[in-house]
PDB file of N, CA and C in Angstrom:
ATOM      1  N   MET A   1     198.689  56.529 173.691  1.00  0.00           N
ATOM      2  CA  MET A   1     199.582  55.435 173.987  1.00  0.00           C
ATOM      3  C   MET A   1     199.431  54.367 172.917  1.00  0.00           C
ATOM      4  N   GLU A   2     200.516  53.911 172.392  1.00  0.00           N
ATOM      5  CA  GLU A   2     200.496  52.841 171.405  1.00  0.00           C
ATOM      6  C   GLU A   2     200.821  51.513 172.074  1.00  0.00           C
ATOM      7  N   VAL A   3     200.083  50.480 171.687  1.00  0.00           N
ATOM      8  CA  VAL A   3     200.291  49.136 172.222  1.00  0.00           C
ATOM      9  C   VAL A   3     200.522  48.203 171.043  1.00  0.00           C
ATOM     10  N   PRO A   4     201.603  47.412 171.065  1.00  0.00           N
ATOM     11  CA  PRO A   4     201.814  46.475 169.960  1.00  0.00           C
ATOM     12  C   PRO A   4     200.737  45.395 169.941  1.00  0.00           C
ATOM     13  N   VAL A   5     200.203  45.125 168.751  1.00  0.00           N
ATOM     14  CA  VAL A   5     199.194  44.081 168.544  1.00  0.00           C
ATOM     15  C   VAL A   5     199.794  43.054 167.595  1.00  0.00           C
ATOM     16  N   VAL A   6     199.827  41.787 168.044  1.00  0.00           N
ATOM     17  CA  VAL A   6     200.416  40.704 167.257  1.00  0.00           C
ATOM     18  C   VAL A   6     199.427  39.553 167.237  1.00  0.00           C
ATOM     19  N   SER A   7     199.261  38.916 166.084  1.00  0.00           N
ATOM     20  CA  SER A   7     198.440  37.715 166.001  1.00  0.00           C
ATOM     21  C   SER A   7     199.312  36.575 165.493  1.00  0.00           C
ATOM     22  N   GLU A   8     199.094  35.406 166.057  1.00  0.00           N
ATOM     23  CA  GLU A   8     199.881  34.243 165.672  1.00  0.00           C
ATOM     24  C   GLU A   8     198.983  33.274 164.911  1.00  0.00           C
ATOM     25  N   LEU A   9     199.287  33.057 163.646  1.00  0.00           N
ATOM     26  CA  LEU A   9     198.469  32.173 162.815  1.00  0.00           C
ATOM     27  C   LEU A   9     198.791  30.707 163.036  1.00  0.00           C
ATOM     28  N   GLY A  10     199.932  30.401 163.625  1.00  0.00           N
ATOM     29  CA  GLY A  10     200.275  29.008 163.912  1.00  0.00           C
ATOM     30  C   GLY A  10     201.744  28.864 164.230  1.00  0.00           C
ATOM     31  N   ARG A  11     202.074  27.729 164.845  1.00  0.00           N
ATOM     32  CA  ARG A  11     203.470  27.401 165.161  1.00  0.00           C
ATOM     33  C   ARG A  11     203.769  26.003 164.650  1.00  0.00           C
ATOM     34  N   THR A  12     204.986  25.830 164.219  1.00  0.00           N
ATOM     35  CA  THR A  12     205.434  24.503 163.814  1.00  0.00           C
ATOM     36  C   THR A  12     206.939  24.435 164.003  1.00  0.00           C
ATOM     37  N   LYS A  13     207.495  23.270 163.885  1.00  0.00           N
ATOM     38  CA  LYS A  13     208.941  23.086 163.980  1.00  0.00           C
ATOM     39  C   LYS A  13     209.446  22.510 162.670  1.00  0.00           C
ATOM     40  N   ILE A  14     210.565  23.054 162.211  1.00  0.00           N
ATOM     41  CA  ILE A  14     211.244  22.498 161.048  1.00  0.00           C
ATOM     42  C   ILE A  14     212.725  22.410 161.398  1.00  0.00           C
ATOM     43  N   SER A  15     213.420  21.560 160.680  1.00  0.00           N
ATOM     44  CA  SER A  15     214.846  21.395 160.957  1.00  0.00           C
ATOM     45  C   SER A  15     215.609  22.630 160.466  1.00  0.00           C
ATOM     46  N   LEU A  16     216.795  22.828 161.016  1.00  0.00           N
ATOM     47  CA  LEU A  16     217.644  23.931 160.586  1.00  0.00           C
ATOM     48  C   LEU A  16     217.955  23.809 159.097  1.00  0.00           C
ATOM     49  N   GLN A  17     218.153  22.595 158.640  1.00  0.00           N
ATOM     50  CA  GLN A  17     218.440  22.357 157.219  1.00  0.00           C
ATOM     51  C   GLN A  17     217.255  22.811 156.353  1.00  0.00           C
ATOM     52  N   GLU A  18     216.032  22.480 156.781  1.00  0.00           N
ATOM     53  CA  GLU A  18     214.842  22.916 156.037  1.00  0.00           C
ATOM     54  C   GLU A  18     214.720  24.442 156.055  1.00  0.00           C
ATOM     55  N   ALA A  19     214.983  25.060 157.205  1.00  0.00           N
ATOM     56  CA  ALA A  19     214.885  26.512 157.317  1.00  0.00           C
ATOM     57  C   ALA A  19     215.892  27.208 156.406  1.00  0.00           C
ATOM     58  N   GLU A  20     217.111  26.677 156.353  1.00  0.00           N
ATOM     59  CA  GLU A  20     218.143  27.276 155.502  1.00  0.00           C
ATOM     60  C   GLU A  20     217.813  27.135 154.020  1.00  0.00           C
ATOM     61  N   ALA A  21     217.021  26.114 153.664  1.00  0.00           N
ATOM     62  CA  ALA A  21     216.696  25.869 152.256  1.00  0.00           C
ATOM     63  C   ALA A  21     215.437  26.614 151.808  1.00  0.00           C
ATOM     64  N   LEU A  22     214.749  27.315 152.720  1.00  0.00           N
ATOM     65  CA  LEU A  22     213.522  28.018 152.338  1.00  0.00           C
ATOM     66  C   LEU A  22     213.791  29.091 151.296  1.00  0.00           C
ATOM     67  N   GLU A  23     212.862  29.203 150.360  1.00  0.00           N
ATOM     68  CA  GLU A  23     212.944  30.221 149.312  1.00  0.00           C
ATOM     69  C   GLU A  23     211.585  30.877 149.165  1.00  0.00           C
ATOM     70  N   ALA A  24     211.568  32.032 148.523  1.00  0.00           N
ATOM     71  CA  ALA A  24     210.311  32.735 148.266  1.00  0.00           C
ATOM     72  C   ALA A  24     209.365  31.800 147.522  1.00  0.00           C
ATOM     73  N   GLY A  25     208.126  31.725 147.980  1.00  0.00           N
ATOM     74  CA  GLY A  25     207.125  30.865 147.353  1.00  0.00           C
ATOM     75  C   GLY A  25     206.965  29.515 148.012  1.00  0.00           C
ATOM     76  N   ASP A  26     207.918  29.124 148.891  1.00  0.00           N
ATOM     77  CA  ASP A  26     207.790  27.857 149.610  1.00  0.00           C
ATOM     78  C   ASP A  26     206.612  27.935 150.584  1.00  0.00           C
ATOM     79  N   VAL A  27     206.031  26.804 150.901  1.00  0.00           N
ATOM     80  CA  VAL A  27     204.891  26.735 151.808  1.00  0.00           C
ATOM     81  C   VAL A  27     205.311  25.988 153.068  1.00  0.00           C
ATOM     82  N   ILE A  28     204.974  26.559 154.218  1.00  0.00           N
ATOM     83  CA  ILE A  28     205.232  25.911 155.505  1.00  0.00           C
ATOM     84  C   ILE A  28     203.887  25.473 156.061  1.00  0.00           C
ATOM     85  N   ARG A  29     203.731  24.179 156.275  1.00  0.00           N
ATOM     86  CA  ARG A  29     202.469  23.637 156.788  1.00  0.00           C
ATOM     87  C   ARG A  29     202.346  23.954 158.275  1.00  0.00           C
ATOM     88  N   LEU A  30     201.189  24.483 158.657  1.00  0.00           N
ATOM     89  CA  LEU A  30     200.892  24.780 160.054  1.00  0.00           C
ATOM     90  C   LEU A  30     199.782  23.860 160.541  1.00  0.00           C
ATOM     91  N   PRO A  31     199.739  23.574 161.839  1.00  0.00           N
ATOM     92  CA  PRO A  31     198.690  22.705 162.366  1.00  0.00           C
ATOM     93  C   PRO A  31     197.344  23.422 162.517  1.00  0.00           C
ATOM     94  N   THR A  32     197.291  24.710 162.233  1.00  0.00           N
ATOM     95  CA  THR A  32     196.072  25.501 162.386  1.00  0.00           C
ATOM     96  C   THR A  32     195.162  25.313 161.181  1.00  0.00           C
ATOM     97  N   ARG A  33     193.873  25.089 161.447  1.00  0.00           N
ATOM     98  CA  ARG A  33     192.886  25.021 160.363  1.00  0.00           C
ATOM     99  C   ARG A  33     192.351  26.422 160.091  1.00  0.00           C
ATOM    100  N   THR A  34     191.813  26.628 158.918  1.00  0.00           N
ATOM    101  CA  THR A  34     191.311  27.956 158.563  1.00  0.00           C
ATOM    102  C   THR A  34     190.119  28.370 159.423  1.00  0.00           C
ATOM    103  N   THR A  35     189.470  27.417 160.078  1.00  0.00           N
ATOM    104  CA  THR A  35     188.332  27.737 160.935  1.00  0.00           C
ATOM    105  C   THR A  35     188.730  27.951 162.392  1.00  0.00           C
ATOM    106  N   ASP A  36     189.989  27.706 162.735  1.00  0.00           N
ATOM    107  CA  ASP A  36     190.454  27.872 164.114  1.00  0.00           C
ATOM    108  C   ASP A  36     190.616  29.344 164.471  1.00  0.00           C
ATOM    109  N   ALA A  37     190.260  29.681 165.695  1.00  0.00           N
ATOM    110  CA  ALA A  37     190.533  31.024 166.197  1.00  0.00           C
ATOM    111  C   ALA A  37     192.008  31.094 166.578  1.00  0.00           C
ATOM    112  N   VAL A  38     192.617  32.247 166.349  1.00  0.00           N
ATOM    113  CA  VAL A  38     194.041  32.440 166.638  1.00  0.00           C
ATOM    114  C   VAL A  38     194.187  33.479 167.745  1.00  0.00           C
ATOM    115  N   PRO A  39     195.258  33.371 168.542  1.00  0.00           N
ATOM    116  CA  PRO A  39     195.437  34.342 169.616  1.00  0.00           C
ATOM    117  C   PRO A  39     195.872  35.711 169.091  1.00  0.00           C
ATOM    118  N   VAL A  40     195.383  36.742 169.757  1.00  0.00           N
ATOM    119  CA  VAL A  40     195.798  38.121 169.485  1.00  0.00           C
ATOM    120  C   VAL A  40     196.449  38.636 170.759  1.00  0.00           C
ATOM    121  N   TYR A  41     197.683  39.080 170.635  1.00  0.00           N
ATOM    122  CA  TYR A  41     198.462  39.528 171.778  1.00  0.00           C
ATOM    123  C   TYR A  41     198.465  41.055 171.835  1.00  0.00           C
ATOM    124  N   LEU A  42     198.212  41.597 173.018  1.00  0.00           N
ATOM    125  CA  LEU A  42     198.329  43.031 173.272  1.00  0.00           C
ATOM    126  C   LEU A  42     199.434  43.215 174.298  1.00  0.00           C
ATOM    127  N   GLY A  43     200.445  43.988 173.944  1.00  0.00           N
ATOM    128  CA  GLY A  43     201.550  44.185 174.869  1.00  0.00           C
ATOM    129  C   GLY A  43     202.243  42.896 175.253  1.00  0.00           C
ATOM    130  N   GLY A  44     202.236  41.910 174.380  1.00  0.00           N
ATOM    131  CA  GLY A  44     202.937  40.645 174.615  1.00  0.00           C
ATOM    132  C   GLY A  44     202.104  39.561 175.268  1.00  0.00           C
ATOM    133  N   LYS A  45     200.888  39.883 175.738  1.00  0.00           N
ATOM    134  CA  LYS A  45     200.040  38.896 176.407  1.00  0.00           C
ATOM    135  C   LYS A  45     198.831  38.553 175.540  1.00  0.00           C
ATOM    136  N   ALA A  46     198.472  37.266 175.511  1.00  0.00           N
ATOM    137  CA  ALA A  46     197.291  36.830 174.747  1.00  0.00           C
ATOM    138  C   ALA A  46     196.051  37.383 175.429  1.00  0.00           C
ATOM    139  N   LYS A  47     195.273  38.183 174.691  1.00  0.00           N
ATOM    140  CA  LYS A  47     194.083  38.807 175.269  1.00  0.00           C
ATOM    141  C   LYS A  47     192.796  38.413 174.554  1.00  0.00           C
ATOM    142  N   PHE A  48     192.888  38.138 173.237  1.00  0.00           N
ATOM    143  CA  PHE A  48     191.695  37.845 172.446  1.00  0.00           C
ATOM    144  C   PHE A  48     191.933  36.636 171.544  1.00  0.00           C
ATOM    145  N   LEU A  49     190.842  36.047 171.081  1.00  0.00           N
ATOM    146  CA  LEU A  49     190.874  35.046 170.023  1.00  0.00           C
ATOM    147  C   LEU A  49     190.166  35.661 168.827  1.00  0.00           C
ATOM    148  N   ALA A  50     190.709  35.427 167.649  1.00  0.00           N
ATOM    149  CA  ALA A  50     190.140  36.027 166.436  1.00  0.00           C
ATOM    150  C   ALA A  50     190.226  35.030 165.286  1.00  0.00           C
ATOM    151  N   ARG A  51     189.393  35.257 164.286  1.00  0.00           N
ATOM    152  CA  ARG A  51     189.428  34.443 163.065  1.00  0.00           C
ATOM    153  C   ARG A  51     189.889  35.327 161.909  1.00  0.00           C
ATOM    154  N   PRO A  52     190.904  34.865 161.175  1.00  0.00           N
ATOM    155  CA  PRO A  52     191.364  35.638 160.019  1.00  0.00           C
ATOM    156  C   PRO A  52     190.379  35.512 158.860  1.00  0.00           C
ATOM    157  N   PHE A  53     190.291  36.582 158.066  1.00  0.00           N
ATOM    158  CA  PHE A  53     189.483  36.542 156.846  1.00  0.00           C
ATOM    159  C   PHE A  53     190.067  37.539 155.856  1.00  0.00           C
ATOM    160  N   ALA A  54     189.761  37.352 154.586  1.00  0.00           N
ATOM    161  CA  ALA A  54     190.266  38.247 153.543  1.00  0.00           C
ATOM    162  C   ALA A  54     189.113  39.045 152.966  1.00  0.00           C
ATOM    163  N   GLU A  55     189.334  40.311 152.774  1.00  0.00           N
ATOM    164  CA  GLU A  55     188.361  41.188 152.131  1.00  0.00           C
ATOM    165  C   GLU A  55     188.425  40.959 150.617  1.00  0.00           C
ATOM    166  N   ALA A  56     187.485  41.527 149.909  1.00  0.00           N
ATOM    167  CA  ALA A  56     187.451  41.385 148.447  1.00  0.00           C
ATOM    168  C   ALA A  56     188.735  41.917 147.808  1.00  0.00           C
ATOM    169  N   ASN A  57     189.369  42.905 148.448  1.00  0.00           N
ATOM    170  CA  ASN A  57     190.610  43.472 147.906  1.00  0.00           C
ATOM    171  C   ASN A  57     191.850  42.696 148.376  1.00  0.00           C
ATOM    172  N   SER A  58     191.645  41.511 148.949  1.00  0.00           N
ATOM    173  CA  SER A  58     192.699  40.605 149.429  1.00  0.00           C
ATOM    174  C   SER A  58     193.394  41.084 150.697  1.00  0.00           C
ATOM    175  N   GLU A  59     192.862  42.119 151.333  1.00  0.00           N
ATOM    176  CA  GLU A  59     193.418  42.550 152.613  1.00  0.00           C
ATOM    177  C   GLU A  59     193.066  41.531 153.683  1.00  0.00           C
ATOM    178  N   LEU A  60     194.057  41.075 154.417  1.00  0.00           N
ATOM    179  CA  LEU A  60     193.833  40.115 155.491  1.00  0.00           C
ATOM    180  C   LEU A  60     193.483  40.865 156.762  1.00  0.00           C
ATOM    181  N   LYS A  61     192.402  40.439 157.429  1.00  0.00           N
ATOM    182  CA  LYS A  61     191.941  41.085 158.655  1.00  0.00           C
ATOM    183  C   LYS A  61     191.603  40.022 159.686  1.00  0.00           C
ATOM    184  N   LEU A  62     191.378  40.471 160.916  1.00  0.00           N
ATOM    185  CA  LEU A  62     190.996  39.578 162.010  1.00  0.00           C
ATOM    186  C   LEU A  62     189.671  40.030 162.589  1.00  0.00           C
ATOM    187  N   ARG A  63     188.794  39.064 162.848  1.00  0.00           N
ATOM    188  CA  ARG A  63     187.523  39.334 163.522  1.00  0.00           C
ATOM    189  C   ARG A  63     187.604  38.734 164.921  1.00  0.00           C
ATOM    190  N   VAL A  64     187.552  39.580 165.952  1.00  0.00           N
ATOM    191  CA  VAL A  64     187.637  39.121 167.337  1.00  0.00           C
ATOM    192  C   VAL A  64     186.374  38.332 167.662  1.00  0.00           C
ATOM    193  N   VAL A  65     186.566  37.117 168.213  1.00  0.00           N
ATOM    194  CA  VAL A  65     185.423  36.252 168.530  1.00  0.00           C
ATOM    195  C   VAL A  65     185.292  35.963 170.023  1.00  0.00           C
ATOM    196  N   ASP A  66     186.362  36.231 170.806  1.00  0.00           N
ATOM    197  CA  ASP A  66     186.285  35.927 172.230  1.00  0.00           C
ATOM    198  C   ASP A  66     187.475  36.555 172.943  1.00  0.00           C
ATOM    199  N   ARG A  67     187.382  36.587 174.253  1.00  0.00           N
ATOM    200  CA  ARG A  67     188.510  36.992 175.099  1.00  0.00           C
ATOM    201  C   ARG A  67     189.234  35.732 175.572  1.00  0.00           C
ATOM    202  N   VAL A  68     190.516  35.864 175.845  1.00  0.00           N
ATOM    203  CA  VAL A  68     191.286  34.766 176.429  1.00  0.00           C
ATOM    204  C   VAL A  68     191.158  34.902 177.943  1.00  0.00           C
ATOM    205  N   SER A  69     190.645  33.879 178.578  1.00  0.00           N
ATOM    206  CA  SER A  69     190.475  33.911 180.034  1.00  0.00           C
ATOM    207  C   SER A  69     191.844  33.899 180.717  1.00  0.00           C
ATOM    208  N   ALA A  70     191.888  34.356 181.945  1.00  0.00           N
ATOM    209  CA  ALA A  70     193.135  34.378 182.716  1.00  0.00           C
ATOM    210  C   ALA A  70     193.721  32.976 182.830  1.00  0.00           C
ATOM    211  N   GLU A  71     192.851  31.957 182.953  1.00  0.00           N
ATOM    212  CA  GLU A  71     193.324  30.580 183.083  1.00  0.00           C
ATOM    213  C   GLU A  71     194.019  30.092 181.813  1.00  0.00           C
ATOM    214  N   LEU A  72     193.585  30.569 180.642  1.00  0.00           N
ATOM    215  CA  LEU A  72     194.159  30.108 179.372  1.00  0.00           C
ATOM    216  C   LEU A  72     195.338  30.950 178.899  1.00  0.00           C
ATOM    217  N   GLN A  73     195.607  32.083 179.533  1.00  0.00           N
ATOM    218  CA  GLN A  73     196.697  32.932 179.068  1.00  0.00           C
ATOM    219  C   GLN A  73     198.029  32.211 179.085  1.00  0.00           C
ATOM    220  N   GLY A  74     198.247  31.318 180.055  1.00  0.00           N
ATOM    221  CA  GLY A  74     199.489  30.553 180.119  1.00  0.00           C
ATOM    222  C   GLY A  74     199.655  29.598 178.964  1.00  0.00           C
ATOM    223  N   LYS A  75     198.540  29.126 178.396  1.00  0.00           N
ATOM    224  CA  LYS A  75     198.585  28.199 177.257  1.00  0.00           C
ATOM    225  C   LYS A  75     199.245  28.865 176.059  1.00  0.00           C
ATOM    226  N   TYR A  76     199.004  30.154 175.875  1.00  0.00           N
ATOM    227  CA  TYR A  76     199.511  30.861 174.700  1.00  0.00           C
ATOM    228  C   TYR A  76     200.871  31.491 174.922  1.00  0.00           C
ATOM    229  N   GLY A  77     201.288  31.672 176.165  1.00  0.00           N
ATOM    230  CA  GLY A  77     202.586  32.269 176.434  1.00  0.00           C
ATOM    231  C   GLY A  77     202.605  33.742 176.083  1.00  0.00           C
ATOM    232  N   ARG A  78     203.805  34.259 175.850  1.00  0.00           N
ATOM    233  CA  ARG A  78     204.003  35.676 175.539  1.00  0.00           C
ATOM    234  C   ARG A  78     204.734  35.794 174.204  1.00  0.00           C
ATOM    235  N   VAL A  79     204.607  36.941 173.592  1.00  0.00           N
ATOM    236  CA  VAL A  79     205.394  37.259 172.389  1.00  0.00           C
ATOM    237  C   VAL A  79     206.093  38.578 172.622  1.00  0.00           C
ATOM    238  N   GLN A  80     207.173  38.779 171.938  1.00  0.00           N
ATOM    239  CA  GLN A  80     207.958  40.030 172.073  1.00  0.00           C
ATOM    240  C   GLN A  80     207.506  41.045 171.084  1.00  0.00           C
TER     241      GLN A  80
END
């Protein structure tokens, strides 16, 4: 059985005008710090917290650091 795994590095809001003007190489500022744990979603529900890191070959990976408690699952919502 395959289960979709999604990680969210951050959320922010920008105006439609800013979104339409985005080009390759532009940077979007996120409120997430590099030391913050990010949610990992399994089947659309937040299940784990992980920290992103890059390997020597520049591959981006996630290291799971904790589970998301049932009480906090609502904080993260769902993803499709």
